[in-house]
Amino acid sequence: MATESLQGITVFVRVAEARSFTEAARKLGISPSGASKALTRLEDKLGVQLVHRTTRSVSLTDDGTAFYERCRQILGELEDAETAVTRRRAKPRGRLRVQMPVGFGQRVLAPLLAQFSQLNPELVIDAELSDRVPDLADEGLDAAIRIGDLGDARLIARRLCNLRFVTVASPRYLERYGEPRTPDELERHRCLMIYIPHTHRYRAWNLVSSSARSPRVPSGGLNINNAHALVDAAIAGIGIAHVPTFAAFDAIQAGSLQPILRGYASEGPPVWVVYLERRHLSPRIQAFVDFLTSGISQTPAWDAVPDL
């Protein structure tokens, strides 16, 4: 009976996380009908309804919400106990769910993920590239990449690197409109801004010289919430962009973009790999975190160009 209850609890937690019997069953390697029956048996045993079932969605009842928090802790304790026993001899295996920002994920992390996958053939990696900030506990994520402030005291964070920003324009744009030599001259130019949708604002250009700091939010005719898209627009001669060096590196190397305002450095926020605190970190998360922290240099290659 204890084994059957544990199975029901496991199914319930995965259904609560996924809000779907189909998705929960896929993760557990069972059929949707098997998942539904296991949860029904658990509800019958407890004498309460844990979830509302409709043809389109699954949601928790009030009893289900309270029960979920306790069950999630129980399963976490069990995973910790198993990890403590097997950690020394365990290889990373199972499923690793990670989330990362689109631009940094595509340019920097995707090649590292390919290497990590080859080194760990028993591991299945589900990587989401999006610029949202998910709740790792609510969504069952193992790790995430965050840029800037973390804002969640439950997270353990390891710093990967610090971003730097560079101001760039295409040779064609500079030939036509001239090159600004100081931040004040940006007012005469067409600037391409990083748009932040949830605040409806633009990312400031923190231009710092040896004598002064000059935060700027120039007027922008084209504003996009993706650095790579702004790089493409700058290459096309649409205007001047202020973007992370990792996004502009290839275009600068190819001569499609030219760094300007070189006397004004622009330090960006730190990049972190984060995960939820556990007494015993699972081998798959530990291996992923260790691989990233060793795979990204504190002085990354995209900052190595002298002009930057």
C-alpha atoms as a PDB file:
ATOM      1  CA  MET A   1       0.000   0.000   0.000  1.00  0.00           C
ATOM      2  CA  ALA A   2       2.915   2.372   0.830  1.00  0.00           C
ATOM      3  CA  THR A   3       4.411   1.806  -2.627  1.00  0.00           C
ATOM      4  CA  GLU A   4       1.058   2.545  -4.281  1.00  0.00           C
ATOM      5  CA  SER A   5       0.706   5.764  -2.261  1.00  0.00           C
ATOM      6  CA  LEU A   6       4.193   6.889  -3.211  1.00  0.00           C
ATOM      7  CA  GLN A   7       3.409   6.260  -6.860  1.00  0.00           C
ATOM      8  CA  GLY A   8       0.222   8.289  -6.526  1.00  0.00           C
ATOM      9  CA  ILE A   9       2.079  11.137  -4.831  1.00  0.00           C
ATOM     10  CA  THR A  10       4.728  11.147  -7.575  1.00  0.00           C
ATOM     11  CA  VAL A  11       2.045  11.280 -10.264  1.00  0.00           C
ATOM     12  CA  PHE A  12       0.160  14.016  -8.399  1.00  0.00           C
ATOM     13  CA  VAL A  13       3.254  16.236  -8.084  1.00  0.00           C
ATOM     14  CA  ARG A  14       4.150  15.853 -11.764  1.00  0.00           C
ATOM     15  CA  VAL A  15       0.551  16.567 -12.819  1.00  0.00           C
ATOM     16  CA  ALA A  16       0.488  19.647 -10.569  1.00  0.00           C
ATOM     17  CA  GLU A  17       3.739  20.907 -12.111  1.00  0.00           C
ATOM     18  CA  ALA A  18       2.729  20.261 -15.714  1.00  0.00           C
ATOM     19  CA  ARG A  19      -1.001  21.029 -15.348  1.00  0.00           C
ATOM     20  CA  SER A  20      -1.465  18.117 -17.732  1.00  0.00           C
ATOM     21  CA  PHE A  21      -1.893  14.361 -17.391  1.00  0.00           C
ATOM     22  CA  THR A  22      -0.359  13.828 -20.824  1.00  0.00           C
ATOM     23  CA  GLU A  23       2.789  15.814 -20.071  1.00  0.00           C
ATOM     24  CA  ALA A  24       3.158  14.309 -16.587  1.00  0.00           C
ATOM     25  CA  ALA A  25       2.762  10.813 -17.980  1.00  0.00           C
ATOM     26  CA  ARG A  26       5.393  11.503 -20.636  1.00  0.00           C
ATOM     27  CA  LYS A  27       7.904  12.581 -18.001  1.00  0.00           C
ATOM     28  CA  LEU A  28       7.144   9.538 -15.850  1.00  0.00           C
ATOM     29  CA  GLY A  29       7.210   7.077 -18.754  1.00  0.00           C
ATOM     30  CA  ILE A  30       3.640   5.860 -18.238  1.00  0.00           C
ATOM     31  CA  SER A  31       0.379   6.249 -20.129  1.00  0.00           C
ATOM     32  CA  PRO A  32      -1.982   9.196 -19.476  1.00  0.00           C
ATOM     33  CA  SER A  33      -4.688   6.772 -18.423  1.00  0.00           C
ATOM     34  CA  GLY A  34      -2.251   5.131 -15.992  1.00  0.00           C
ATOM     35  CA  ALA A  35      -1.434   8.527 -14.512  1.00  0.00           C
ATOM     36  CA  SER A  36      -5.117   9.397 -14.176  1.00  0.00           C
ATOM     37  CA  LYS A  37      -5.920   6.084 -12.463  1.00  0.00           C
ATOM     38  CA  ALA A  38      -3.001   6.444 -10.033  1.00  0.00           C
ATOM     39  CA  LEU A  39      -4.174   9.915  -9.031  1.00  0.00           C
ATOM     40  CA  THR A  40      -7.783   8.741  -8.684  1.00  0.00           C
ATOM     41  CA  ARG A  41      -6.672   5.937  -6.343  1.00  0.00           C
ATOM     42  CA  LEU A  42      -4.759   8.482  -4.243  1.00  0.00           C
ATOM     43  CA  GLU A  43      -7.806  10.763  -4.063  1.00  0.00           C
ATOM     44  CA  ASP A  44     -10.024   7.833  -3.080  1.00  0.00           C
ATOM     45  CA  LYS A  45      -7.599   6.865  -0.327  1.00  0.00           C
ATOM     46  CA  LEU A  46      -7.400  10.422   1.031  1.00  0.00           C
ATOM     47  CA  GLY A  47     -11.113  11.054   0.609  1.00  0.00           C
ATOM     48  CA  VAL A  48     -10.545  14.446  -1.037  1.00  0.00           C
ATOM     49  CA  GLN A  49     -10.428  15.809  -4.561  1.00  0.00           C
ATOM     50  CA  LEU A  50      -6.930  17.069  -5.385  1.00  0.00           C
ATOM     51  CA  VAL A  51      -7.411  18.368  -8.933  1.00  0.00           C
ATOM     52  CA  HIS A  52     -10.140  19.787 -11.133  1.00  0.00           C
ATOM     53  CA  ARG A  53     -10.189  17.945 -14.449  1.00  0.00           C
ATOM     54  CA  THR A  54     -11.528  19.452 -17.667  1.00  0.00           C
ATOM     55  CA  THR A  55     -11.032  18.497 -21.293  1.00  0.00           C
ATOM     56  CA  ARG A  56      -8.559  21.372 -21.714  1.00  0.00           C
ATOM     57  CA  SER A  57      -6.714  21.773 -18.434  1.00  0.00           C
ATOM     58  CA  VAL A  58      -5.961  20.509 -14.959  1.00  0.00           C
ATOM     59  CA  SER A  59      -5.960  22.777 -11.899  1.00  0.00           C
ATOM     60  CA  LEU A  60      -5.458  22.190  -8.185  1.00  0.00           C
ATOM     61  CA  THR A  61      -8.240  22.326  -5.635  1.00  0.00           C
ATOM     62  CA  ASP A  62      -7.627  24.102  -2.334  1.00  0.00           C
ATOM     63  CA  ASP A  63      -6.868  20.734  -0.730  1.00  0.00           C
ATOM     64  CA  GLY A  64      -4.649  19.892  -3.691  1.00  0.00           C
ATOM     65  CA  THR A  65      -2.653  23.113  -3.329  1.00  0.00           C
ATOM     66  CA  ALA A  66      -1.916  22.446   0.351  1.00  0.00           C
ATOM     67  CA  PHE A  67      -1.121  18.779  -0.334  1.00  0.00           C
ATOM     68  CA  TYR A  68       1.166  19.661  -3.244  1.00  0.00           C
ATOM     69  CA  GLU A  69       3.509  21.746  -1.100  1.00  0.00           C
ATOM     70  CA  ARG A  70       3.986  18.891   1.371  1.00  0.00           C
ATOM     71  CA  CYS A  71       4.369  16.276  -1.353  1.00  0.00           C
ATOM     72  CA  ARG A  72       6.930  18.338  -3.246  1.00  0.00           C
ATOM     73  CA  GLN A  73       9.013  18.531  -0.070  1.00  0.00           C
ATOM     74  CA  ILE A  74       8.649  14.776   0.473  1.00  0.00           C
ATOM     75  CA  LEU A  75       9.842  13.926  -3.041  1.00  0.00           C
ATOM     76  CA  GLY A  76      12.714  16.386  -2.671  1.00  0.00           C
ATOM     77  CA  GLU A  77      13.749  14.678   0.565  1.00  0.00           C
ATOM     78  CA  LEU A  78      13.640  11.280  -1.130  1.00  0.00           C
ATOM     79  CA  GLU A  79      15.770  12.540  -4.012  1.00  0.00           C
ATOM     80  CA  ASP A  80      18.236  14.001  -1.520  1.00  0.00           C
ATOM     81  CA  ALA A  81      18.425  10.687   0.322  1.00  0.00           C
ATOM     82  CA  GLU A  82      19.021   8.735  -2.883  1.00  0.00           C
ATOM     83  CA  THR A  83      21.649  11.230  -3.998  1.00  0.00           C
ATOM     84  CA  ALA A  84      23.482  11.041  -0.664  1.00  0.00           C
ATOM     85  CA  VAL A  85      23.784   7.253  -1.038  1.00  0.00           C
ATOM     86  CA  THR A  86      24.686   7.079  -4.722  1.00  0.00           C
ATOM     87  CA  ARG A  87      26.492  10.367  -5.388  1.00  0.00           C
ATOM     88  CA  ARG A  88      30.019   8.988  -5.352  1.00  0.00           C
ATOM     89  CA  ARG A  89      29.378   6.385  -7.993  1.00  0.00           C
ATOM     90  CA  ALA A  90      26.490   7.986  -9.873  1.00  0.00           C
ATOM     91  CA  LYS A  91      26.863   9.339 -13.376  1.00  0.00           C
ATOM     92  CA  PRO A  92      24.616  12.157 -14.588  1.00  0.00           C
ATOM     93  CA  ARG A  93      21.522  10.480 -15.949  1.00  0.00           C
ATOM     94  CA  GLY A  94      17.825  11.107 -16.320  1.00  0.00           C
ATOM     95  CA  ARG A  95      16.322  14.376 -17.541  1.00  0.00           C
ATOM     96  CA  LEU A  96      17.826  17.824 -17.018  1.00  0.00           C
ATOM     97  CA  ARG A  97      15.461  20.778 -17.513  1.00  0.00           C
ATOM     98  CA  VAL A  98      17.121  24.177 -17.953  1.00  0.00           C
ATOM     99  CA  GLN A  99      16.038  27.651 -19.088  1.00  0.00           C
ATOM    100  CA  MET A 100      18.178  30.472 -20.471  1.00  0.00           C
ATOM    101  CA  PRO A 101      17.811  33.864 -22.193  1.00  0.00           C
ATOM    102  CA  VAL A 102      17.504  33.698 -25.974  1.00  0.00           C
ATOM    103  CA  GLY A 103      20.494  35.782 -27.073  1.00  0.00           C
ATOM    104  CA  PHE A 104      23.058  34.504 -24.571  1.00  0.00           C
ATOM    105  CA  GLY A 105      21.699  30.985 -24.940  1.00  0.00           C
ATOM    106  CA  GLN A 106      22.031  30.929 -28.727  1.00  0.00           C
ATOM    107  CA  ARG A 107      25.433  32.574 -28.999  1.00  0.00           C
ATOM    108  CA  VAL A 108      27.254  31.315 -25.919  1.00  0.00           C
ATOM    109  CA  LEU A 109      25.512  28.367 -24.301  1.00  0.00           C
ATOM    110  CA  ALA A 110      24.227  26.299 -27.246  1.00  0.00           C
ATOM    111  CA  PRO A 111      27.742  25.108 -28.236  1.00  0.00           C
ATOM    112  CA  LEU A 112      28.478  24.264 -24.598  1.00  0.00           C
ATOM    113  CA  LEU A 113      25.220  22.322 -24.291  1.00  0.00           C
ATOM    114  CA  ALA A 114      26.237  20.240 -27.318  1.00  0.00           C
ATOM    115  CA  GLN A 115      29.558  19.415 -25.655  1.00  0.00           C
ATOM    116  CA  PHE A 116      27.884  18.637 -22.337  1.00  0.00           C
ATOM    117  CA  SER A 117      25.423  16.304 -24.059  1.00  0.00           C
ATOM    118  CA  GLN A 118      28.227  14.391 -25.750  1.00  0.00           C
ATOM    119  CA  LEU A 119      30.044  13.970 -22.438  1.00  0.00           C
ATOM    120  CA  ASN A 120      26.883  12.683 -20.714  1.00  0.00           C
ATOM    121  CA  PRO A 121      25.120  10.255 -23.081  1.00  0.00           C
ATOM    122  CA  GLU A 122      22.787   8.968 -20.342  1.00  0.00           C
ATOM    123  CA  LEU A 123      21.373  12.431 -19.781  1.00  0.00           C
ATOM    124  CA  VAL A 124      18.400  13.942 -21.646  1.00  0.00           C
ATOM    125  CA  ILE A 125      18.588  17.744 -21.748  1.00  0.00           C
ATOM    126  CA  ASP A 126      15.437  19.816 -22.221  1.00  0.00           C
ATOM    127  CA  ALA A 127      16.576  23.415 -22.789  1.00  0.00           C
ATOM    128  CA  GLU A 128      14.166  26.333 -23.109  1.00  0.00           C
ATOM    129  CA  LEU A 129      15.393  29.544 -24.712  1.00  0.00           C
ATOM    130  CA  SER A 130      13.194  32.441 -23.619  1.00  0.00           C
ATOM    131  CA  ASP A 131      13.587  35.827 -21.981  1.00  0.00           C
ATOM    132  CA  ARG A 132      10.994  35.199 -19.278  1.00  0.00           C
ATOM    133  CA  VAL A 133      11.992  34.685 -15.630  1.00  0.00           C
ATOM    134  CA  PRO A 134      10.480  31.379 -14.499  1.00  0.00           C
ATOM    135  CA  ASP A 135       9.953  30.103 -10.974  1.00  0.00           C
ATOM    136  CA  LEU A 136      12.198  27.023 -10.788  1.00  0.00           C
ATOM    137  CA  ALA A 137      10.203  25.397  -7.992  1.00  0.00           C
ATOM    138  CA  ASP A 138       6.777  25.877  -9.579  1.00  0.00           C
ATOM    139  CA  GLU A 139       7.902  24.670 -13.000  1.00  0.00           C
ATOM    140  CA  GLY A 140      10.157  21.819 -11.944  1.00  0.00           C
ATOM    141  CA  LEU A 141      13.253  23.336 -13.568  1.00  0.00           C
ATOM    142  CA  ASP A 142      16.642  22.021 -12.496  1.00  0.00           C
ATOM    143  CA  ALA A 143      18.644  25.131 -13.365  1.00  0.00           C
ATOM    144  CA  ALA A 144      18.426  28.436 -15.198  1.00  0.00           C
ATOM    145  CA  ILE A 145      20.662  31.187 -16.503  1.00  0.00           C
ATOM    146  CA  ARG A 146      19.930  34.619 -15.063  1.00  0.00           C
ATOM    147  CA  ILE A 147      21.371  37.980 -16.041  1.00  0.00           C
ATOM    148  CA  GLY A 148      21.535  40.731 -13.425  1.00  0.00           C
ATOM    149  CA  ASP A 149      19.680  40.760 -10.114  1.00  0.00           C
ATOM    150  CA  LEU A 150      18.388  37.388  -8.971  1.00  0.00           C
ATOM    151  CA  GLY A 151      15.451  38.526  -6.851  1.00  0.00           C
ATOM    152  CA  ASP A 152      14.828  35.085  -5.312  1.00  0.00           C
ATOM    153  CA  ALA A 153      16.392  34.204  -1.958  1.00  0.00           C
ATOM    154  CA  ARG A 154      15.766  30.489  -2.535  1.00  0.00           C
ATOM    155  CA  LEU A 155      18.276  30.320  -5.374  1.00  0.00           C
ATOM    156  CA  ILE A 156      21.899  29.241  -5.189  1.00  0.00           C
ATOM    157  CA  ALA A 157      23.904  31.185  -7.783  1.00  0.00           C
ATOM    158  CA  ARG A 158      27.291  30.631  -9.409  1.00  0.00           C
ATOM    159  CA  ARG A 159      28.684  33.501 -11.474  1.00  0.00           C
ATOM    160  CA  LEU A 160      29.648  32.618 -15.032  1.00  0.00           C
ATOM    161  CA  CYS A 161      30.946  35.976 -16.286  1.00  0.00           C
ATOM    162  CA  ASN A 162      30.113  39.661 -16.530  1.00  0.00           C
ATOM    163  CA  LEU A 163      28.594  41.138 -19.653  1.00  0.00           C
ATOM    164  CA  ARG A 164      30.167  44.094 -21.411  1.00  0.00           C
ATOM    165  CA  PHE A 165      28.433  46.335 -23.905  1.00  0.00           C
ATOM    166  CA  VAL A 166      29.878  47.898 -27.031  1.00  0.00           C
ATOM    167  CA  THR A 167      28.560  50.744 -29.178  1.00  0.00           C
ATOM    168  CA  VAL A 168      28.663  49.872 -32.880  1.00  0.00           C
ATOM    169  CA  ALA A 169      27.626  51.090 -36.296  1.00  0.00           C
ATOM    170  CA  SER A 170      28.167  49.909 -39.834  1.00  0.00           C
ATOM    171  CA  PRO A 171      30.844  51.521 -42.025  1.00  0.00           C
ATOM    172  CA  ARG A 172      28.047  52.565 -44.385  1.00  0.00           C
ATOM    173  CA  TYR A 173      26.172  54.409 -41.625  1.00  0.00           C
ATOM    174  CA  LEU A 174      29.325  56.156 -40.409  1.00  0.00           C
ATOM    175  CA  GLU A 175      30.266  57.227 -43.936  1.00  0.00           C
ATOM    176  CA  ARG A 176      26.835  58.773 -44.386  1.00  0.00           C
ATOM    177  CA  TYR A 177      26.242  60.371 -40.980  1.00  0.00           C
ATOM    178  CA  GLY A 178      29.700  60.636 -39.421  1.00  0.00           C
ATOM    179  CA  GLU A 179      31.077  59.071 -36.257  1.00  0.00           C
ATOM    180  CA  PRO A 180      30.050  60.447 -32.842  1.00  0.00           C
ATOM    181  CA  ARG A 181      33.093  61.135 -30.656  1.00  0.00           C
ATOM    182  CA  THR A 182      31.283  61.792 -27.364  1.00  0.00           C
ATOM    183  CA  PRO A 183      27.975  60.659 -25.833  1.00  0.00           C
ATOM    184  CA  ASP A 184      26.557  64.158 -26.333  1.00  0.00           C
ATOM    185  CA  GLU A 185      26.850  63.732 -30.104  1.00  0.00           C
ATOM    186  CA  LEU A 186      24.492  60.724 -30.004  1.00  0.00           C
ATOM    187  CA  GLU A 187      21.575  63.166 -29.937  1.00  0.00           C
ATOM    188  CA  ARG A 188      22.202  63.851 -33.636  1.00  0.00           C
ATOM    189  CA  HIS A 189      22.120  60.169 -34.574  1.00  0.00           C
ATOM    190  CA  ARG A 190      19.588  57.414 -35.091  1.00  0.00           C
ATOM    191  CA  CYS A 191      20.032  55.017 -32.175  1.00  0.00           C
ATOM    192  CA  LEU A 192      18.712  51.468 -31.928  1.00  0.00           C
ATOM    193  CA  MET A 193      17.527  50.624 -28.422  1.00  0.00           C
ATOM    194  CA  ILE A 194      17.003  47.387 -26.520  1.00  0.00           C
ATOM    195  CA  TYR A 195      13.298  47.454 -25.627  1.00  0.00           C
ATOM    196  CA  ILE A 196      12.177  45.923 -22.308  1.00  0.00           C
ATOM    197  CA  PRO A 197       8.545  44.830 -22.876  1.00  0.00           C
ATOM    198  CA  HIS A 198       7.436  44.272 -19.267  1.00  0.00           C
ATOM    199  CA  THR A 199       8.513  47.816 -18.265  1.00  0.00           C
ATOM    200  CA  HIS A 200       7.867  49.552 -21.619  1.00  0.00           C
ATOM    201  CA  ARG A 201      11.272  51.187 -21.237  1.00  0.00           C
ATOM    202  CA  TYR A 202      14.643  51.019 -22.972  1.00  0.00           C
ATOM    203  CA  ARG A 203      17.946  49.741 -21.617  1.00  0.00           C
ATOM    204  CA  ALA A 204      20.175  52.709 -20.748  1.00  0.00           C
ATOM    205  CA  TRP A 205      23.578  53.085 -22.349  1.00  0.00           C
ATOM    206  CA  ASN A 206      25.930  53.326 -19.354  1.00  0.00           C
ATOM    207  CA  LEU A 207      28.875  55.014 -21.037  1.00  0.00           C
ATOM    208  CA  VAL A 208      31.787  55.486 -18.645  1.00  0.00           C
ATOM    209  CA  SER A 209      34.994  57.401 -19.349  1.00  0.00           C
ATOM    210  CA  SER A 210      38.023  57.972 -17.122  1.00  0.00           C
ATOM    211  CA  SER A 211      36.452  61.190 -15.877  1.00  0.00           C
ATOM    212  CA  ALA A 212      32.683  60.682 -15.865  1.00  0.00           C
ATOM    213  CA  ARG A 213      29.746  58.314 -16.061  1.00  0.00           C
ATOM    214  CA  SER A 214      27.190  59.167 -18.721  1.00  0.00           C
ATOM    215  CA  PRO A 215      23.989  57.080 -18.593  1.00  0.00           C
ATOM    216  CA  ARG A 216      22.066  57.684 -21.792  1.00  0.00           C
ATOM    217  CA  VAL A 217      18.680  56.693 -23.187  1.00  0.00           C
ATOM    218  CA  PRO A 218      18.919  58.149 -26.704  1.00  0.00           C
ATOM    219  CA  SER A 219      15.864  58.452 -28.884  1.00  0.00           C
ATOM    220  CA  GLY A 220      15.426  55.368 -31.001  1.00  0.00           C
ATOM    221  CA  GLY A 221      13.590  54.938 -34.270  1.00  0.00           C
ATOM    222  CA  LEU A 222      13.781  51.153 -34.042  1.00  0.00           C
ATOM    223  CA  ASN A 223      13.689  49.366 -30.683  1.00  0.00           C
ATOM    224  CA  ILE A 224      13.762  45.573 -30.278  1.00  0.00           C
ATOM    225  CA  ASN A 225      13.954  43.279 -27.257  1.00  0.00           C
ATOM    226  CA  ASN A 226      16.680  41.139 -28.847  1.00  0.00           C
ATOM    227  CA  ALA A 227      20.340  42.115 -29.179  1.00  0.00           C
ATOM    228  CA  HIS A 228      20.962  39.944 -32.240  1.00  0.00           C
ATOM    229  CA  ALA A 229      18.091  41.619 -34.092  1.00  0.00           C
ATOM    230  CA  LEU A 230      19.595  45.007 -33.253  1.00  0.00           C
ATOM    231  CA  VAL A 231      22.962  43.811 -34.561  1.00  0.00           C
ATOM    232  CA  ASP A 232      21.292  42.863 -37.847  1.00  0.00           C
ATOM    233  CA  ALA A 233      19.662  46.294 -38.037  1.00  0.00           C
ATOM    234  CA  ALA A 234      22.979  48.019 -37.360  1.00  0.00           C
ATOM    235  CA  ILE A 235      24.692  45.943 -40.055  1.00  0.00           C
ATOM    236  CA  ALA A 236      21.978  47.101 -42.461  1.00  0.00           C
ATOM    237  CA  GLY A 237      22.939  50.713 -41.698  1.00  0.00           C
ATOM    238  CA  ILE A 238      19.712  51.597 -39.873  1.00  0.00           C
ATOM    239  CA  GLY A 239      21.503  53.199 -36.935  1.00  0.00           C
ATOM    240  CA  ILE A 240      23.870  52.897 -33.966  1.00  0.00           C
ATOM    241  CA  ALA A 241      23.430  50.015 -31.519  1.00  0.00           C
ATOM    242  CA  HIS A 242      24.656  49.468 -27.973  1.00  0.00           C
ATOM    243  CA  VAL A 243      24.691  45.705 -27.468  1.00  0.00           C
ATOM    244  CA  PRO A 244      26.496  42.976 -25.497  1.00  0.00           C
ATOM    245  CA  THR A 245      29.899  42.146 -26.903  1.00  0.00           C
ATOM    246  CA  PHE A 246      28.939  38.494 -27.386  1.00  0.00           C
ATOM    247  CA  ALA A 247      26.214  39.591 -29.823  1.00  0.00           C
ATOM    248  CA  ALA A 248      28.429  41.979 -31.819  1.00  0.00           C
ATOM    249  CA  PHE A 249      31.666  39.954 -31.803  1.00  0.00           C
ATOM    250  CA  ASP A 250      31.212  38.084 -35.110  1.00  0.00           C
ATOM    251  CA  ALA A 251      30.078  41.193 -37.006  1.00  0.00           C
ATOM    252  CA  ILE A 252      33.035  43.203 -35.702  1.00  0.00           C
ATOM    253  CA  GLN A 253      35.439  40.447 -36.696  1.00  0.00           C
ATOM    254  CA  ALA A 254      33.908  40.359 -40.178  1.00  0.00           C
ATOM    255  CA  GLY A 255      34.100  44.139 -40.559  1.00  0.00           C
ATOM    256  CA  SER A 256      30.304  44.499 -40.833  1.00  0.00           C
ATOM    257  CA  LEU A 257      30.252  46.629 -37.699  1.00  0.00           C
ATOM    258  CA  GLN A 258      32.770  49.066 -36.262  1.00  0.00           C
ATOM    259  CA  PRO A 259      33.141  49.881 -32.544  1.00  0.00           C
ATOM    260  CA  ILE A 260      32.693  53.557 -31.759  1.00  0.00           C
ATOM    261  CA  LEU A 261      32.978  55.653 -28.596  1.00  0.00           C
ATOM    262  CA  ARG A 262      35.943  53.465 -27.664  1.00  0.00           C
ATOM    263  CA  GLY A 263      36.921  55.774 -24.806  1.00  0.00           C
ATOM    264  CA  TYR A 264      33.649  55.009 -23.027  1.00  0.00           C
ATOM    265  CA  ALA A 265      33.584  51.555 -21.464  1.00  0.00           C
ATOM    266  CA  SER A 266      30.233  49.994 -20.690  1.00  0.00           C
ATOM    267  CA  GLU A 267      30.148  47.267 -18.078  1.00  0.00           C
ATOM    268  CA  GLY A 268      27.047  45.135 -17.960  1.00  0.00           C
ATOM    269  CA  PRO A 269      25.419  42.883 -15.354  1.00  0.00           C
ATOM    270  CA  PRO A 270      26.749  39.514 -14.172  1.00  0.00           C
ATOM    271  CA  VAL A 271      25.529  36.241 -15.661  1.00  0.00           C
ATOM    272  CA  TRP A 272      24.614  33.459 -13.205  1.00  0.00           C
ATOM    273  CA  VAL A 273      23.697  29.810 -13.335  1.00  0.00           C
ATOM    274  CA  VAL A 274      21.099  29.272 -10.603  1.00  0.00           C
ATOM    275  CA  TYR A 275      19.401  26.306  -8.976  1.00  0.00           C
ATOM    276  CA  LEU A 276      17.294  25.607  -5.904  1.00  0.00           C
ATOM    277  CA  GLU A 277      19.016  24.857  -2.633  1.00  0.00           C
ATOM    278  CA  ARG A 278      19.225  21.176  -1.735  1.00  0.00           C
ATOM    279  CA  ARG A 279      21.248  19.458   0.965  1.00  0.00           C
ATOM    280  CA  HIS A 280      22.479  16.995  -1.643  1.00  0.00           C
ATOM    281  CA  LEU A 281      22.632  18.325  -5.181  1.00  0.00           C
ATOM    282  CA  SER A 282      21.780  15.713  -7.803  1.00  0.00           C
ATOM    283  CA  PRO A 283      24.672  14.562 -10.039  1.00  0.00           C
ATOM    284  CA  ARG A 284      23.008  15.895 -13.176  1.00  0.00           C
ATOM    285  CA  ILE A 285      22.649  19.437 -11.767  1.00  0.00           C
ATOM    286  CA  GLN A 286      26.101  19.384 -10.182  1.00  0.00           C
ATOM    287  CA  ALA A 287      27.690  18.248 -13.434  1.00  0.00           C
ATOM    288  CA  PHE A 288      25.853  20.917 -15.440  1.00  0.00           C
ATOM    289  CA  VAL A 289      26.814  23.737 -13.067  1.00  0.00           C
ATOM    290  CA  ASP A 290      30.450  22.626 -12.870  1.00  0.00           C
ATOM    291  CA  PHE A 291      30.678  22.294 -16.648  1.00  0.00           C
ATOM    292  CA  LEU A 292      29.354  25.804 -17.273  1.00  0.00           C
ATOM    293  CA  THR A 293      31.521  27.475 -14.637  1.00  0.00           C
ATOM    294  CA  SER A 294      34.626  25.853 -16.095  1.00  0.00           C
ATOM    295  CA  GLY A 295      33.526  26.272 -19.730  1.00  0.00           C
ATOM    296  CA  ILE A 296      32.982  30.051 -19.656  1.00  0.00           C
ATOM    297  CA  SER A 297      36.113  32.056 -18.957  1.00  0.00           C
ATOM    298  CA  GLN A 298      36.014  35.072 -16.664  1.00  0.00           C
ATOM    299  CA  THR A 299      37.572  36.900 -19.629  1.00  0.00           C
ATOM    300  CA  PRO A 300      35.548  35.329 -22.453  1.00  0.00           C
ATOM    301  CA  ALA A 301      36.717  35.230 -26.052  1.00  0.00           C
ATOM    302  CA  TRP A 302      34.154  37.761 -27.242  1.00  0.00           C
ATOM    303  CA  ASP A 303      35.826  40.410 -25.068  1.00  0.00           C
ATOM    304  CA  ALA A 304      39.313  39.645 -26.377  1.00  0.00           C
ATOM    305  CA  VAL A 305      39.246  41.912 -29.441  1.00  0.00           C
ATOM    306  CA  PRO A 306      41.522  44.951 -28.771  1.00  0.00           C
ATOM    307  CA  ASP A 307      38.993  47.391 -30.216  1.00  0.00           C
ATOM    308  CA  LEU A 308      36.496  46.372 -27.546  1.00  0.00           C
END
